[in-house]
Every structure is written in C-alpha cells, then in structure tokens.
Protein backbone atom coordinates (compact mmCIF):
# COMPACT_ATOMS: atom_id res chain seq x y z
CA UNK A 1 8.85 -11.85 -15.15
CA UNK A 2 9.35 -8.49 -13.43
CA UNK A 3 12.69 -7.86 -13.05
CA UNK A 4 12.49 -4.11 -11.39
CA UNK A 5 9.61 -1.75 -11.37
CA UNK A 6 9.95 1.81 -13.34
CA UNK A 7 7.07 3.16 -10.98
CA UNK A 8 9.38 2.23 -7.65
CA UNK A 9 12.51 3.03 -8.66
CA UNK A 10 11.63 6.32 -10.54
CA UNK A 11 9.26 8.04 -7.89
CA UNK A 12 6.23 9.45 -8.58
CA UNK A 13 5.86 10.09 -12.38
CA UNK A 14 2.98 11.54 -13.87
CA UNK A 15 2.72 9.55 -16.87
CA UNK A 16 -1.22 10.57 -17.41
CA UNK A 17 -2.18 14.30 -17.58
CA UNK A 18 -4.51 16.16 -19.71
CA UNK A 19 -4.23 19.62 -20.76
CA UNK A 20 -6.54 22.44 -21.78
CA UNK A 21 -6.38 25.99 -23.38
CA UNK A 22 -6.63 28.70 -20.37
CA UNK A 23 -9.66 30.14 -23.06
CA UNK A 24 -11.56 26.70 -22.69
CA UNK A 25 -10.73 26.35 -18.78
CA UNK A 26 -12.03 29.88 -18.23
CA UNK A 27 -15.34 29.36 -20.41
CA UNK A 28 -16.08 25.50 -19.30
CA UNK A 29 -15.33 25.15 -15.97
CA UNK A 30 -18.40 22.97 -15.12
CA UNK A 31 -17.38 20.63 -17.57
CA UNK A 32 -13.63 20.30 -16.22
CA UNK A 33 -14.48 19.71 -12.82
CA UNK A 34 -16.79 16.99 -13.68
CA UNK A 35 -14.39 15.14 -15.75
CA UNK A 36 -11.90 15.75 -12.77
CA UNK A 37 -14.82 14.86 -10.54
CA UNK A 38 -15.14 11.50 -12.55
CA UNK A 39 -11.09 10.68 -12.57
CA UNK A 40 -11.32 11.18 -8.82
CA UNK A 41 -13.99 8.47 -8.67
CA UNK A 42 -11.61 6.30 -9.95
CA UNK A 43 -9.14 6.99 -7.74
CA UNK A 44 -11.21 6.67 -4.85
CA UNK A 45 -12.35 3.37 -6.01
CA UNK A 46 -8.61 2.24 -6.59
CA UNK A 47 -7.88 3.16 -3.08
CA UNK A 48 -11.41 1.62 -1.65
CA UNK A 49 -11.07 -2.03 -3.37
CA UNK A 50 -9.54 -5.41 -3.39
CA UNK A 51 -6.98 -6.54 -6.06
CA UNK A 52 -9.31 -8.91 -7.28
CA UNK A 53 -12.62 -6.48 -7.58
CA UNK A 54 -10.50 -4.07 -9.36
CA UNK A 55 -9.27 -6.90 -11.61
CA UNK A 56 -12.58 -7.75 -12.23
CA UNK A 57 -13.57 -4.19 -13.50
CA UNK A 58 -11.00 -3.59 -15.65
CA UNK A 59 -10.86 -7.28 -16.97
CA UNK A 60 -12.96 -6.68 -20.53
CA UNK A 61 -9.95 -4.05 -21.31
CA UNK A 62 -7.52 -6.89 -20.89
CA UNK A 63 -9.49 -9.81 -22.50
CA UNK A 64 -6.07 -11.51 -23.48
CA UNK A 65 -4.82 -11.47 -19.79
CA UNK A 66 -5.65 -14.40 -17.49
CA UNK A 67 -7.49 -13.12 -14.28
CA UNK A 68 -4.70 -14.56 -11.57
CA UNK A 69 -2.17 -12.51 -13.71
CA UNK A 70 -4.21 -9.26 -14.17
CA UNK A 71 -5.07 -9.45 -10.36
CA UNK A 72 -1.27 -10.06 -9.37
CA UNK A 73 -0.45 -6.67 -11.57
CA UNK A 74 -3.25 -5.21 -9.30
CA UNK A 75 -1.82 -6.29 -6.50
CA UNK A 76 1.87 -5.42 -6.97
CA UNK A 77 0.55 -1.51 -8.15
CA UNK A 78 -1.12 -1.76 -4.69
CA UNK A 79 2.02 -2.67 -2.43
CA UNK A 80 4.31 -0.11 -4.91
CA UNK A 81 1.46 2.44 -3.89
CA UNK A 82 1.43 3.26 -7.92
CA UNK A 83 -2.03 5.23 -7.81
CA UNK A 84 -2.08 8.45 -5.83
CA UNK A 85 -4.91 9.41 -3.80
CA UNK A 86 -5.94 12.16 -5.82
CA UNK A 87 -5.20 14.01 -8.84
CA UNK A 88 -3.20 16.95 -7.67
CA UNK A 89 0.21 17.62 -10.01
CA UNK A 90 2.47 18.91 -7.40
CA UNK A 91 5.78 20.95 -8.20
CA UNK A 92 8.02 18.05 -7.38
CA UNK A 93 6.21 15.95 -9.95
CA UNK A 94 6.31 18.27 -12.50
CA UNK A 95 10.05 19.24 -12.26
CA UNK A 96 11.16 15.04 -12.09
CA UNK A 97 8.96 15.08 -15.48
CA UNK A 98 10.87 17.75 -16.56
CA UNK A 99 14.12 16.05 -15.49
CA UNK A 100 12.97 13.16 -17.56
CA UNK A 101 12.04 15.03 -20.71
CA UNK A 102 15.28 17.21 -20.60
CA UNK A 103 17.22 14.06 -20.01
CA UNK A 104 15.79 12.72 -23.16
CA UNK A 105 16.52 15.68 -25.04
CA UNK A 106 12.85 15.85 -25.82
CA UNK A 107 12.39 19.15 -23.75
CA UNK A 108 14.77 22.14 -24.80
CA UNK A 109 13.56 24.53 -22.31
CA UNK A 110 11.97 24.06 -18.94
CA UNK A 111 8.26 25.89 -18.19
CA UNK A 112 7.68 27.36 -14.67
CA UNK A 113 5.29 25.39 -12.88
CA UNK A 114 3.08 28.47 -12.15
CA UNK A 115 2.84 28.86 -15.86
CA UNK A 116 1.77 25.80 -16.87
CA UNK A 117 -0.10 24.04 -13.96
CA UNK A 118 -3.34 24.69 -12.28
CA UNK A 119 -4.32 22.35 -9.18
CA UNK A 120 -7.61 24.08 -8.79
CA UNK A 121 -9.94 21.37 -10.26
CA UNK A 122 -8.14 18.50 -9.06
CA UNK A 123 -8.21 20.32 -5.27
CA UNK A 124 -11.97 20.29 -5.28
CA UNK A 125 -12.66 16.65 -6.55
CA UNK A 126 -10.03 15.88 -3.87
CA UNK A 127 -12.36 17.50 -1.42
CA UNK A 128 -15.49 15.99 -2.09
C-alpha cells in the first residue's frame, strides 16, 4: 500500500543524472548529444502515451510485477507529474538536491550550479 509518495512530498528531485569530464564533453559532443537525444525520446514517449502502453513497454524489466500493478504504478507517476517533459537540470532542482545531500551529511561543501551543470545538450534535445 502506498502511504505517501516521496516524489509528491519532496518536489522535483533529480534522482537520475549523468556526468562526464569536461574534456570528454569537449572531445565528444556528438556522442553526448546522441545519448541525450535518445533519453529525450523516452521522456517524449511517457508524455505522449497511456499508462497501459508504457506499462506494456517496460514489463520485461519488471517480470515479477503483475500487469495491472505496473499499469497502476505508471498511472500514479503520470498523475503526480513525476516525469518531466525535458532533461534540463534547472538551478532550483540542483539547489534542492544539494540541500538533501547536505542535510544527510553526504555533501560537505556546496558547488555553484554554473561550475558543475551544463544544459546545452538537454536544451538542444528538447528543441528537436
């Protein structure tokens, strides 16, 4: 039984992110863009399809979960607006993530958003 939804209570927390060295970004922008474009296609898919369609696509990854249960979980994600429309990592989400890491004593020193985050590839992917 779902008692409370962490995603609904916490606000948008970027639980999944990807990192690369600056040198890799500079030497391989086509690879980074292709990877980001592929992820954006997934984001577009969940925005444009029903819970049933999404559940059917992801079912092989959750073989132990009944179809009805998986569909209900996906529907809950849709109702809560869990999936963003794009991959752009905004400053407010970055700050929230740092707050959580700081509160749990995982982060000892905050890093400026501009130093660590680039949205160039996500912005291009979202515009396509």
